[in-house]
């Protein structure tokens, strides 16, 4: 498979994708939990979760490889696709972006 499309994904794109994948996975888990086992909705939702997890893992590897550790002082890259909290916009200014690729993002509080 050709991975050239990954070159166009920015840090901000990764955050948006991570949040959307997290939300999609939650919905699919709800279908699995509410449907009768071995029915079409149950089986298809489980297959979709497995496929989504494979995509999420690939994207997680990409964001970790393409984000230098010194540009991620808060270690946000490891939380983009995995973990209990989504990322939300922060009030960081332009100056903070010089040192932190994820300056515009912070973990959502409960």
PDB file of N, CA and C in Angstrom:
ATOM      1  N   UNK A   1       0.846  -1.183   0.000  1.00  0.00           N
ATOM      2  CA  UNK A   1       0.000   0.000   0.000  1.00  0.00           C
ATOM      3  C   UNK A   1       0.888   1.241   0.000  1.00  0.00           C
ATOM      4  N   UNK A   2       0.449   2.270  -0.657  1.00  0.00           N
ATOM      5  CA  UNK A   2       1.200   3.513  -0.754  1.00  0.00           C
ATOM      6  C   UNK A   2       0.824   4.433   0.408  1.00  0.00           C
ATOM      7  N   UNK A   3       1.833   4.855   1.187  1.00  0.00           N
ATOM      8  CA  UNK A   3       1.598   5.703   2.355  1.00  0.00           C
ATOM      9  C   UNK A   3       1.872   7.173   2.090  1.00  0.00           C
ATOM     10  N   UNK A   4       1.949   7.586   0.809  1.00  0.00           N
ATOM     11  CA  UNK A   4       2.256   8.981   0.498  1.00  0.00           C
ATOM     12  C   UNK A   4       1.228   9.956   1.061  1.00  0.00           C
ATOM     13  N   UNK A   5      -0.005   9.542   1.186  1.00  0.00           N
ATOM     14  CA  UNK A   5      -1.048  10.443   1.694  1.00  0.00           C
ATOM     15  C   UNK A   5      -0.742  10.894   3.112  1.00  0.00           C
ATOM     16  N   UNK A   6       0.013  10.109   3.866  1.00  0.00           N
ATOM     17  CA  UNK A   6       0.351  10.485   5.240  1.00  0.00           C
ATOM     18  C   UNK A   6       1.214  11.739   5.304  1.00  0.00           C
ATOM     19  N   UNK A   7       1.913  12.051   4.226  1.00  0.00           N
ATOM     20  CA  UNK A   7       2.792  13.217   4.219  1.00  0.00           C
ATOM     21  C   UNK A   7       2.019  14.519   4.366  1.00  0.00           C
ATOM     22  N   UNK A   8       0.762  14.524   4.001  1.00  0.00           N
ATOM     23  CA  UNK A   8      -0.044  15.741   4.038  1.00  0.00           C
ATOM     24  C   UNK A   8      -0.772  15.960   5.363  1.00  0.00           C
ATOM     25  N   UNK A   9      -0.622  15.062   6.322  1.00  0.00           N
ATOM     26  CA  UNK A   9      -1.334  15.195   7.590  1.00  0.00           C
ATOM     27  C   UNK A   9      -0.508  16.046   8.547  1.00  0.00           C
ATOM     28  N   UNK A  10      -1.085  17.164   8.979  1.00  0.00           N
ATOM     29  CA  UNK A  10      -0.407  18.054   9.920  1.00  0.00           C
ATOM     30  C   UNK A  10      -0.699  17.610  11.351  1.00  0.00           C
ATOM     31  N   UNK A  11      -0.007  18.217  12.291  1.00  0.00           N
ATOM     32  CA  UNK A  11      -0.256  17.947  13.704  1.00  0.00           C
ATOM     33  C   UNK A  11      -1.708  18.240  14.050  1.00  0.00           C
ATOM     34  N   UNK A  12      -2.213  19.371  13.586  1.00  0.00           N
ATOM     35  CA  UNK A  12      -3.610  19.722  13.851  1.00  0.00           C
ATOM     36  C   UNK A  12      -4.568  18.708  13.224  1.00  0.00           C
ATOM     37  N   UNK A  13      -4.248  18.233  12.017  1.00  0.00           N
ATOM     38  CA  UNK A  13      -5.068  17.195  11.381  1.00  0.00           C
ATOM     39  C   UNK A  13      -5.119  15.942  12.253  1.00  0.00           C
ATOM     40  N   UNK A  14      -3.970  15.558  12.799  1.00  0.00           N
ATOM     41  CA  UNK A  14      -3.925  14.375  13.662  1.00  0.00           C
ATOM     42  C   UNK A  14      -4.847  14.545  14.866  1.00  0.00           C
ATOM     43  N   UNK A  15      -4.850  15.717  15.470  1.00  0.00           N
ATOM     44  CA  UNK A  15      -5.709  15.950  16.633  1.00  0.00           C
ATOM     45  C   UNK A  15      -7.180  15.822  16.244  1.00  0.00           C
ATOM     46  N   UNK A  16      -7.561  16.422  15.134  1.00  0.00           N
ATOM     47  CA  UNK A  16      -8.952  16.339  14.671  1.00  0.00           C
ATOM     48  C   UNK A  16      -9.317  14.886  14.365  1.00  0.00           C
ATOM     49  N   UNK A  17      -8.445  14.177  13.663  1.00  0.00           N
ATOM     50  CA  UNK A  17      -8.703  12.769  13.350  1.00  0.00           C
ATOM     51  C   UNK A  17      -8.803  11.933  14.622  1.00  0.00           C
ATOM     52  N   UNK A  18      -7.900  12.170  15.563  1.00  0.00           N
ATOM     53  CA  UNK A  18      -7.930  11.422  16.822  1.00  0.00           C
ATOM     54  C   UNK A  18      -9.233  11.612  17.567  1.00  0.00           C
ATOM     55  N   UNK A  19      -9.700  12.850  17.637  1.00  0.00           N
ATOM     56  CA  UNK A  19     -10.968  13.128  18.319  1.00  0.00           C
ATOM     57  C   UNK A  19     -12.143  12.459  17.608  1.00  0.00           C
ATOM     58  N   UNK A  20     -12.134  12.494  16.292  1.00  0.00           N
ATOM     59  CA  UNK A  20     -13.245  11.902  15.533  1.00  0.00           C
ATOM     60  C   UNK A  20     -13.225  10.381  15.592  1.00  0.00           C
ATOM     61  N   UNK A  21     -12.043   9.801  15.544  1.00  0.00           N
ATOM     62  CA  UNK A  21     -11.936   8.345  15.669  1.00  0.00           C
ATOM     63  C   UNK A  21     -12.414   7.909  17.052  1.00  0.00           C
ATOM     64  N   UNK A  22     -12.017   8.642  18.075  1.00  0.00           N
ATOM     65  CA  UNK A  22     -12.453   8.335  19.442  1.00  0.00           C
ATOM     66  C   UNK A  22     -13.991   8.362  19.531  1.00  0.00           C
ATOM     67  N   UNK A  23     -14.608   9.385  18.960  1.00  0.00           N
ATOM     68  CA  UNK A  23     -16.069   9.512  18.993  1.00  0.00           C
ATOM     69  C   UNK A  23     -16.741   8.395  18.187  1.00  0.00           C
ATOM     70  N   UNK A  24     -16.201   8.086  17.027  1.00  0.00           N
ATOM     71  CA  UNK A  24     -16.758   7.029  16.181  1.00  0.00           C
ATOM     72  C   UNK A  24     -16.671   5.678  16.889  1.00  0.00           C
ATOM     73  N   UNK A  25     -15.543   5.432  17.525  1.00  0.00           N
ATOM     74  CA  UNK A  25     -15.363   4.172  18.244  1.00  0.00           C
ATOM     75  C   UNK A  25     -16.366   4.056  19.389  1.00  0.00           C
ATOM     76  N   UNK A  26     -16.611   5.150  20.091  1.00  0.00           N
ATOM     77  CA  UNK A  26     -17.594   5.144  21.178  1.00  0.00           C
ATOM     78  C   UNK A  26     -18.986   4.770  20.664  1.00  0.00           C
ATOM     79  N   UNK A  27     -19.365   5.322  19.519  1.00  0.00           N
ATOM     80  CA  UNK A  27     -20.676   5.012  18.932  1.00  0.00           C
ATOM     81  C   UNK A  27     -20.751   3.539  18.538  1.00  0.00           C
ATOM     82  N   UNK A  28     -19.699   3.042  17.912  1.00  0.00           N
ATOM     83  CA  UNK A  28     -19.691   1.635  17.513  1.00  0.00           C
ATOM     84  C   UNK A  28     -19.733   0.708  18.726  1.00  0.00           C
ATOM     85  N   UNK A  29     -19.052   1.075  19.797  1.00  0.00           N
ATOM     86  CA  UNK A  29     -19.105   0.278  21.025  1.00  0.00           C
ATOM     87  C   UNK A  29     -20.524   0.255  21.586  1.00  0.00           C
ATOM     88  N   UNK A  30     -21.217   1.361  21.474  1.00  0.00           N
ATOM     89  CA  UNK A  30     -22.610   1.412  21.928  1.00  0.00           C
ATOM     90  C   UNK A  30     -23.472   0.433  21.122  1.00  0.00           C
ATOM     91  N   UNK A  31     -23.256   0.385  19.819  1.00  0.00           N
ATOM     92  CA  UNK A  31     -23.995  -0.559  18.970  1.00  0.00           C
ATOM     93  C   UNK A  31     -23.701  -1.993  19.403  1.00  0.00           C
ATOM     94  N   UNK A  32     -22.428  -2.297  19.649  1.00  0.00           N
ATOM     95  CA  UNK A  32     -22.055  -3.650  20.076  1.00  0.00           C
ATOM     96  C   UNK A  32     -22.744  -4.007  21.390  1.00  0.00           C
ATOM     97  N   UNK A  33     -22.723  -3.089  22.325  1.00  0.00           N
ATOM     98  CA  UNK A  33     -23.287  -3.372  23.648  1.00  0.00           C
ATOM     99  C   UNK A  33     -24.816  -3.461  23.637  1.00  0.00           C
ATOM    100  N   UNK A  34     -25.464  -2.750  22.726  1.00  0.00           N
ATOM    101  CA  UNK A  34     -26.925  -2.723  22.706  1.00  0.00           C
ATOM    102  C   UNK A  34     -27.549  -3.727  21.737  1.00  0.00           C
ATOM    103  N   UNK A  35     -26.740  -4.311  20.877  1.00  0.00           N
ATOM    104  CA  UNK A  35     -27.292  -5.238  19.882  1.00  0.00           C
ATOM    105  C   UNK A  35     -27.156  -6.688  20.354  1.00  0.00           C
ATOM    106  N   UNK A  36     -27.938  -7.524  19.753  1.00  0.00           N
ATOM    107  CA  UNK A  36     -27.920  -8.949  20.089  1.00  0.00           C
ATOM    108  C   UNK A  36     -26.700  -9.583  19.418  1.00  0.00           C
ATOM    109  N   UNK A  37     -25.900 -10.349  20.185  1.00  0.00           N
ATOM    110  CA  UNK A  37     -24.721 -10.999  19.600  1.00  0.00           C
ATOM    111  C   UNK A  37     -25.085 -11.845  18.379  1.00  0.00           C
ATOM    112  N   UNK A  38     -24.182 -11.836  17.423  1.00  0.00           N
ATOM    113  CA  UNK A  38     -24.276 -12.593  16.176  1.00  0.00           C
ATOM    114  C   UNK A  38     -25.304 -12.043  15.192  1.00  0.00           C
ATOM    115  N   UNK A  39     -25.942 -10.925  15.510  1.00  0.00           N
ATOM    116  CA  UNK A  39     -26.812 -10.277  14.523  1.00  0.00           C
ATOM    117  C   UNK A  39     -25.934  -9.433  13.604  1.00  0.00           C
ATOM    118  N   UNK A  40     -26.477  -9.052  12.474  1.00  0.00           N
ATOM    119  CA  UNK A  40     -25.701  -8.258  11.517  1.00  0.00           C
ATOM    120  C   UNK A  40     -25.178  -6.954  12.122  1.00  0.00           C
ATOM    121  N   UNK A  41     -25.987  -6.169  12.823  1.00  0.00           N
ATOM    122  CA  UNK A  41     -25.441  -4.927  13.396  1.00  0.00           C
ATOM    123  C   UNK A  41     -24.295  -5.186  14.376  1.00  0.00           C
ATOM    124  N   UNK A  42     -24.434  -6.223  15.180  1.00  0.00           N
ATOM    125  CA  UNK A  42     -23.400  -6.559  16.160  1.00  0.00           C
ATOM    126  C   UNK A  42     -22.090  -6.954  15.462  1.00  0.00           C
ATOM    127  N   UNK A  43     -22.202  -7.860  14.513  1.00  0.00           N
ATOM    128  CA  UNK A  43     -21.015  -8.346  13.790  1.00  0.00           C
ATOM    129  C   UNK A  43     -20.354  -7.214  13.012  1.00  0.00           C
ATOM    130  N   UNK A  44     -21.140  -6.433  12.292  1.00  0.00           N
ATOM    131  CA  UNK A  44     -20.580  -5.340  11.486  1.00  0.00           C
ATOM    132  C   UNK A  44     -19.927  -4.273  12.364  1.00  0.00           C
ATOM    133  N   UNK A  45     -20.531  -3.964  13.498  1.00  0.00           N
ATOM    134  CA  UNK A  45     -19.936  -2.974  14.404  1.00  0.00           C
ATOM    135  C   UNK A  45     -18.608  -3.482  14.954  1.00  0.00           C
ATOM    136  N   UNK A  46     -18.538  -4.761  15.294  1.00  0.00           N
ATOM    137  CA  UNK A  46     -17.271  -5.328  15.791  1.00  0.00           C
ATOM    138  C   UNK A  46     -16.192  -5.294  14.707  1.00  0.00           C
ATOM    139  N   UNK A  47     -16.565  -5.611  13.479  1.00  0.00           N
ATOM    140  CA  UNK A  47     -15.606  -5.548  12.372  1.00  0.00           C
ATOM    141  C   UNK A  47     -15.154  -4.106  12.123  1.00  0.00           C
ATOM    142  N   UNK A  48     -16.080  -3.175  12.218  1.00  0.00           N
ATOM    143  CA  UNK A  48     -15.739  -1.761  12.022  1.00  0.00           C
ATOM    144  C   UNK A  48     -14.792  -1.271  13.113  1.00  0.00           C
ATOM    145  N   UNK A  49     -15.002  -1.706  14.345  1.00  0.00           N
ATOM    146  CA  UNK A  49     -14.103  -1.325  15.440  1.00  0.00           C
ATOM    147  C   UNK A  49     -12.705  -1.861  15.182  1.00  0.00           C
ATOM    148  N   UNK A  50     -12.612  -3.103  14.738  1.00  0.00           N
ATOM    149  CA  UNK A  50     -11.302  -3.693  14.446  1.00  0.00           C
ATOM    150  C   UNK A  50     -10.587  -2.916  13.342  1.00  0.00           C
ATOM    151  N   UNK A  51     -11.315  -2.571  12.283  1.00  0.00           N
ATOM    152  CA  UNK A  51     -10.720  -1.797  11.187  1.00  0.00           C
ATOM    153  C   UNK A  51     -10.317  -0.403  11.661  1.00  0.00           C
ATOM    154  N   UNK A  52     -11.171   0.219  12.441  1.00  0.00           N
ATOM    155  CA  UNK A  52     -10.884   1.551  12.969  1.00  0.00           C
ATOM    156  C   UNK A  52      -9.644   1.525  13.862  1.00  0.00           C
ATOM    157  N   UNK A  53      -9.507   0.475  14.661  1.00  0.00           N
ATOM    158  CA  UNK A  53      -8.335   0.349  15.526  1.00  0.00           C
ATOM    159  C   UNK A  53      -7.049   0.183  14.721  1.00  0.00           C
ATOM    160  N   UNK A  54      -7.125  -0.511  13.590  1.00  0.00           N
ATOM    161  CA  UNK A  54      -5.937  -0.644  12.736  1.00  0.00           C
ATOM    162  C   UNK A  54      -5.533   0.710  12.150  1.00  0.00           C
ATOM    163  N   UNK A  55      -6.507   1.470  11.680  1.00  0.00           N
ATOM    164  CA  UNK A  55      -6.226   2.812  11.142  1.00  0.00           C
ATOM    165  C   UNK A  55      -5.669   3.705  12.248  1.00  0.00           C
ATOM    166  N   UNK A  56      -6.282   3.653  13.420  1.00  0.00           N
ATOM    167  CA  UNK A  56      -5.843   4.469  14.553  1.00  0.00           C
ATOM    168  C   UNK A  56      -4.395   4.151  14.924  1.00  0.00           C
ATOM    169  N   UNK A  57      -4.035   2.877  14.904  1.00  0.00           N
ATOM    170  CA  UNK A  57      -2.665   2.480  15.233  1.00  0.00           C
ATOM    171  C   UNK A  57      -1.675   3.023  14.210  1.00  0.00           C
ATOM    172  N   UNK A  58      -2.018   2.942  12.930  1.00  0.00           N
ATOM    173  CA  UNK A  58      -1.137   3.484  11.886  1.00  0.00           C
ATOM    174  C   UNK A  58      -0.951   4.991  12.042  1.00  0.00           C
ATOM    175  N   UNK A  59      -2.042   5.700  12.292  1.00  0.00           N
ATOM    176  CA  UNK A  59      -1.959   7.151  12.464  1.00  0.00           C
ATOM    177  C   UNK A  59      -1.180   7.515  13.723  1.00  0.00           C
ATOM    178  N   UNK A  60      -1.344   6.729  14.777  1.00  0.00           N
ATOM    179  CA  UNK A  60      -0.592   6.958  16.009  1.00  0.00           C
ATOM    180  C   UNK A  60       0.907   6.816  15.755  1.00  0.00           C
ATOM    181  N   UNK A  61       1.291   5.789  15.023  1.00  0.00           N
ATOM    182  CA  UNK A  61       2.712   5.616  14.672  1.00  0.00           C
ATOM    183  C   UNK A  61       3.210   6.816  13.875  1.00  0.00           C
ATOM    184  N   UNK A  62       2.392   7.278  12.934  1.00  0.00           N
ATOM    185  CA  UNK A  62       2.799   8.403  12.096  1.00  0.00           C
ATOM    186  C   UNK A  62       3.015   9.670  12.916  1.00  0.00           C
ATOM    187  N   UNK A  63       2.083  10.006  13.802  1.00  0.00           N
ATOM    188  CA  UNK A  63       2.231  11.245  14.577  1.00  0.00           C
ATOM    189  C   UNK A  63       3.431  11.155  15.518  1.00  0.00           C
ATOM    190  N   UNK A  64       3.700   9.989  16.057  1.00  0.00           N
ATOM    191  CA  UNK A  64       4.850   9.843  16.963  1.00  0.00           C
ATOM    192  C   UNK A  64       6.178   9.953  16.216  1.00  0.00           C
ATOM    193  N   UNK A  65       6.218   9.408  15.000  1.00  0.00           N
ATOM    194  CA  UNK A  65       7.455   9.451  14.207  1.00  0.00           C
ATOM    195  C   UNK A  65       7.712  10.849  13.661  1.00  0.00           C
ATOM    196  N   UNK A  66       6.665  11.565  13.299  1.00  0.00           N
ATOM    197  CA  UNK A  66       6.843  12.867  12.646  1.00  0.00           C
ATOM    198  C   UNK A  66       6.881  14.049  13.608  1.00  0.00           C
ATOM    199  N   UNK A  67       6.616  13.816  14.890  1.00  0.00           N
ATOM    200  CA  UNK A  67       6.678  14.899  15.870  1.00  0.00           C
ATOM    201  C   UNK A  67       7.939  14.732  16.704  1.00  0.00           C
ATOM    202  N   UNK A  68       8.937  15.592  16.512  1.00  0.00           N
ATOM    203  CA  UNK A  68      10.159  15.492  17.315  1.00  0.00           C
ATOM    204  C   UNK A  68       9.849  15.690  18.802  1.00  0.00           C
ATOM    205  N   UNK A  69      10.520  14.943  19.660  1.00  0.00           N
ATOM    206  CA  UNK A  69      10.278  15.021  21.106  1.00  0.00           C
ATOM    207  C   UNK A  69      10.488  16.440  21.634  1.00  0.00           C
ATOM    208  N   UNK A  70      11.463  17.154  21.087  1.00  0.00           N
ATOM    209  CA  UNK A  70      11.712  18.516  21.583  1.00  0.00           C
ATOM    210  C   UNK A  70      10.632  19.500  21.130  1.00  0.00           C
ATOM    211  N   UNK A  71       9.778  19.106  20.185  1.00  0.00           N
ATOM    212  CA  UNK A  71       8.663  19.950  19.743  1.00  0.00           C
ATOM    213  C   UNK A  71       7.357  19.550  20.435  1.00  0.00           C
ATOM    214  N   UNK A  72       7.459  18.614  21.382  1.00  0.00           N
ATOM    215  CA  UNK A  72       6.287  18.112  22.101  1.00  0.00           C
ATOM    216  C   UNK A  72       6.611  18.000  23.595  1.00  0.00           C
ATOM    217  N   UNK A  73       6.870  19.134  24.264  1.00  0.00           N
ATOM    218  CA  UNK A  73       7.306  19.085  25.668  1.00  0.00           C
ATOM    219  C   UNK A  73       6.262  18.500  26.621  1.00  0.00           C
ATOM    220  N   UNK A  74       4.993  18.566  26.274  1.00  0.00           N
ATOM    221  CA  UNK A  74       3.932  18.027  27.144  1.00  0.00           C
ATOM    222  C   UNK A  74       3.577  16.584  26.795  1.00  0.00           C
ATOM    223  N   UNK A  75       4.268  16.010  25.817  1.00  0.00           N
ATOM    224  CA  UNK A  75       4.051  14.630  25.372  1.00  0.00           C
ATOM    225  C   UNK A  75       2.600  14.389  24.948  1.00  0.00           C
ATOM    226  N   UNK A  76       2.080  15.324  24.171  1.00  0.00           N
ATOM    227  CA  UNK A  76       0.706  15.229  23.681  1.00  0.00           C
ATOM    228  C   UNK A  76       0.584  14.182  22.567  1.00  0.00           C
ATOM    229  N   UNK A  77       1.636  13.993  21.771  1.00  0.00           N
ATOM    230  CA  UNK A  77       1.562  13.062  20.635  1.00  0.00           C
ATOM    231  C   UNK A  77       1.097  11.675  21.065  1.00  0.00           C
ATOM    232  N   UNK A  78       1.520  11.235  22.229  1.00  0.00           N
ATOM    233  CA  UNK A  78       1.137   9.896  22.684  1.00  0.00           C
ATOM    234  C   UNK A  78      -0.313   9.825  23.169  1.00  0.00           C
ATOM    235  N   UNK A  79      -0.982  10.969  23.237  1.00  0.00           N
ATOM    236  CA  UNK A  79      -2.373  11.009  23.711  1.00  0.00           C
ATOM    237  C   UNK A  79      -3.364  11.360  22.601  1.00  0.00           C
ATOM    238  N   UNK A  80      -2.870  11.593  21.395  1.00  0.00           N
ATOM    239  CA  UNK A  80      -3.742  12.015  20.293  1.00  0.00           C
ATOM    240  C   UNK A  80      -4.747  10.925  19.928  1.00  0.00           C
ATOM    241  N   UNK A  81      -4.298   9.686  19.807  1.00  0.00           N
ATOM    242  CA  UNK A  81      -5.173   8.600  19.365  1.00  0.00           C
ATOM    243  C   UNK A  81      -5.584   7.644  20.475  1.00  0.00           C
ATOM    244  N   UNK A  82      -4.881   7.677  21.597  1.00  0.00           N
ATOM    245  CA  UNK A  82      -5.181   6.757  22.691  1.00  0.00           C
ATOM    246  C   UNK A  82      -5.305   7.526  23.992  1.00  0.00           C
ATOM    247  N   UNK A  83      -6.096   7.002  24.884  1.00  0.00           N
ATOM    248  CA  UNK A  83      -6.307   7.652  26.170  1.00  0.00           C
ATOM    249  C   UNK A  83      -7.752   8.060  26.339  1.00  0.00           C
ATOM    250  N   UNK A  84      -8.127   8.373  27.565  1.00  0.00           N
ATOM    251  CA  UNK A  84      -9.535   8.648  27.862  1.00  0.00           C
ATOM    252  C   UNK A  84     -10.021  10.043  27.483  1.00  0.00           C
ATOM    253  N   UNK A  85      -9.102  10.968  27.229  1.00  0.00           N
ATOM    254  CA  UNK A  85      -9.502  12.354  27.022  1.00  0.00           C
ATOM    255  C   UNK A  85      -9.256  12.823  25.593  1.00  0.00           C
ATOM    256  N   UNK A  86     -10.215  13.564  25.067  1.00  0.00           N
ATOM    257  CA  UNK A  86     -10.044  14.209  23.765  1.00  0.00           C
ATOM    258  C   UNK A  86      -9.180  15.456  23.949  1.00  0.00           C
ATOM    259  N   UNK A  87      -8.710  16.001  22.855  1.00  0.00           N
ATOM    260  CA  UNK A  87      -7.958  17.253  22.895  1.00  0.00           C
ATOM    261  C   UNK A  87      -8.874  18.381  22.448  1.00  0.00           C
ATOM    262  N   UNK A  88      -8.759  19.511  23.116  1.00  0.00           N
ATOM    263  CA  UNK A  88      -9.568  20.689  22.790  1.00  0.00           C
ATOM    264  C   UNK A  88      -8.635  21.866  22.547  1.00  0.00           C
ATOM    265  N   UNK A  89      -9.142  22.869  21.864  1.00  0.00           N
ATOM    266  CA  UNK A  89      -8.342  24.056  21.577  1.00  0.00           C
ATOM    267  C   UNK A  89      -7.923  24.774  22.848  1.00  0.00           C
ATOM    268  N   UNK A  90      -6.718  25.328  22.821  1.00  0.00           N
ATOM    269  CA  UNK A  90      -6.222  26.102  23.961  1.00  0.00           C
ATOM    270  C   UNK A  90      -6.087  27.561  23.540  1.00  0.00           C
ATOM    271  N   UNK A  91      -5.798  28.391  24.473  1.00  0.00           N
ATOM    272  CA  UNK A  91      -5.652  29.822  24.217  1.00  0.00           C
ATOM    273  C   UNK A  91      -4.188  30.205  23.985  1.00  0.00           C
ATOM    274  N   UNK A  92      -3.348  29.233  23.673  1.00  0.00           N
ATOM    275  CA  UNK A  92      -1.928  29.503  23.456  1.00  0.00           C
ATOM    276  C   UNK A  92      -1.742  30.493  22.314  1.00  0.00           C
ATOM    277  N   UNK A  93      -0.794  31.360  22.487  1.00  0.00           N
ATOM    278  CA  UNK A  93      -0.507  32.359  21.474  1.00  0.00           C
ATOM    279  C   UNK A  93       0.507  31.885  20.460  1.00  0.00           C
ATOM    280  N   UNK A  94       0.806  32.756  19.525  1.00  0.00           N
ATOM    281  CA  UNK A  94       1.750  32.443  18.450  1.00  0.00           C
ATOM    282  C   UNK A  94       3.137  32.097  18.997  1.00  0.00           C
ATOM    283  N   UNK A  95       3.535  32.737  20.078  1.00  0.00           N
ATOM    284  CA  UNK A  95       4.867  32.514  20.645  1.00  0.00           C
ATOM    285  C   UNK A  95       5.058  31.066  21.095  1.00  0.00           C
ATOM    286  N   UNK A  96       4.014  30.498  21.692  1.00  0.00           N
ATOM    287  CA  UNK A  96       4.123  29.129  22.182  1.00  0.00           C
ATOM    288  C   UNK A  96       4.318  28.122  21.051  1.00  0.00           C
ATOM    289  N   UNK A  97       3.815  28.452  19.860  1.00  0.00           N
ATOM    290  CA  UNK A  97       3.938  27.537  18.722  1.00  0.00           C
ATOM    291  C   UNK A  97       5.386  27.347  18.292  1.00  0.00           C
ATOM    292  N   UNK A  98       6.246  28.277  18.652  1.00  0.00           N
ATOM    293  CA  UNK A  98       7.650  28.144  18.271  1.00  0.00           C
ATOM    294  C   UNK A  98       8.295  26.932  18.925  1.00  0.00           C
ATOM    295  N   UNK A  99       7.836  26.569  20.117  1.00  0.00           N
ATOM    296  CA  UNK A  99       8.467  25.486  20.871  1.00  0.00           C
ATOM    297  C   UNK A  99       7.614  24.228  20.996  1.00  0.00           C
ATOM    298  N   UNK A 100       6.342  24.316  20.636  1.00  0.00           N
ATOM    299  CA  UNK A 100       5.425  23.207  20.898  1.00  0.00           C
ATOM    300  C   UNK A 100       4.468  23.029  19.716  1.00  0.00           C
ATOM    301  N   UNK A 101       4.600  21.917  19.005  1.00  0.00           N
ATOM    302  CA  UNK A 101       3.714  21.643  17.867  1.00  0.00           C
ATOM    303  C   UNK A 101       2.253  21.497  18.288  1.00  0.00           C
ATOM    304  N   UNK A 102       2.030  21.187  19.552  1.00  0.00           N
ATOM    305  CA  UNK A 102       0.671  21.005  20.062  1.00  0.00           C
ATOM    306  C   UNK A 102       0.227  22.162  20.952  1.00  0.00           C
ATOM    307  N   UNK A 103       0.838  23.328  20.800  1.00  0.00           N
ATOM    308  CA  UNK A 103       0.522  24.474  21.661  1.00  0.00           C
ATOM    309  C   UNK A 103      -0.944  24.876  21.588  1.00  0.00           C
ATOM    310  N   UNK A 104      -1.577  24.659  20.464  1.00  0.00           N
ATOM    311  CA  UNK A 104      -2.986  25.050  20.298  1.00  0.00           C
ATOM    312  C   UNK A 104      -3.955  24.037  20.891  1.00  0.00           C
ATOM    313  N   UNK A 105      -3.431  23.005  21.535  1.00  0.00           N
ATOM    314  CA  UNK A 105      -4.288  21.932  22.044  1.00  0.00           C
ATOM    315  C   UNK A 105      -3.976  21.627  23.501  1.00  0.00           C
ATOM    316  N   UNK A 106      -5.001  21.203  24.226  1.00  0.00           N
ATOM    317  CA  UNK A 106      -4.824  20.728  25.598  1.00  0.00           C
ATOM    318  C   UNK A 106      -5.816  19.601  25.848  1.00  0.00           C
ATOM    319  N   UNK A 107      -5.539  18.805  26.880  1.00  0.00           N
ATOM    320  CA  UNK A 107      -6.434  17.703  27.207  1.00  0.00           C
ATOM    321  C   UNK A 107      -7.746  18.235  27.751  1.00  0.00           C
ATOM    322  N   UNK A 108      -8.829  17.646  27.298  1.00  0.00           N
ATOM    323  CA  UNK A 108     -10.154  18.029  27.766  1.00  0.00           C
ATOM    324  C   UNK A 108     -10.295  17.626  29.232  1.00  0.00           C
ATOM    325  N   UNK A 109     -10.802  18.542  30.026  1.00  0.00           N
ATOM    326  CA  UNK A 109     -11.006  18.242  31.440  1.00  0.00           C
ATOM    327  C   UNK A 109     -12.363  17.604  31.637  1.00  0.00           C
ATOM    328  N   UNK A 110     -12.458  16.757  32.655  1.00  0.00           N
ATOM    329  CA  UNK A 110     -13.742  16.096  32.959  1.00  0.00           C
ATOM    330  C   UNK A 110     -14.759  17.057  33.477  1.00  0.00           C
TER     331      UNK A 110
END
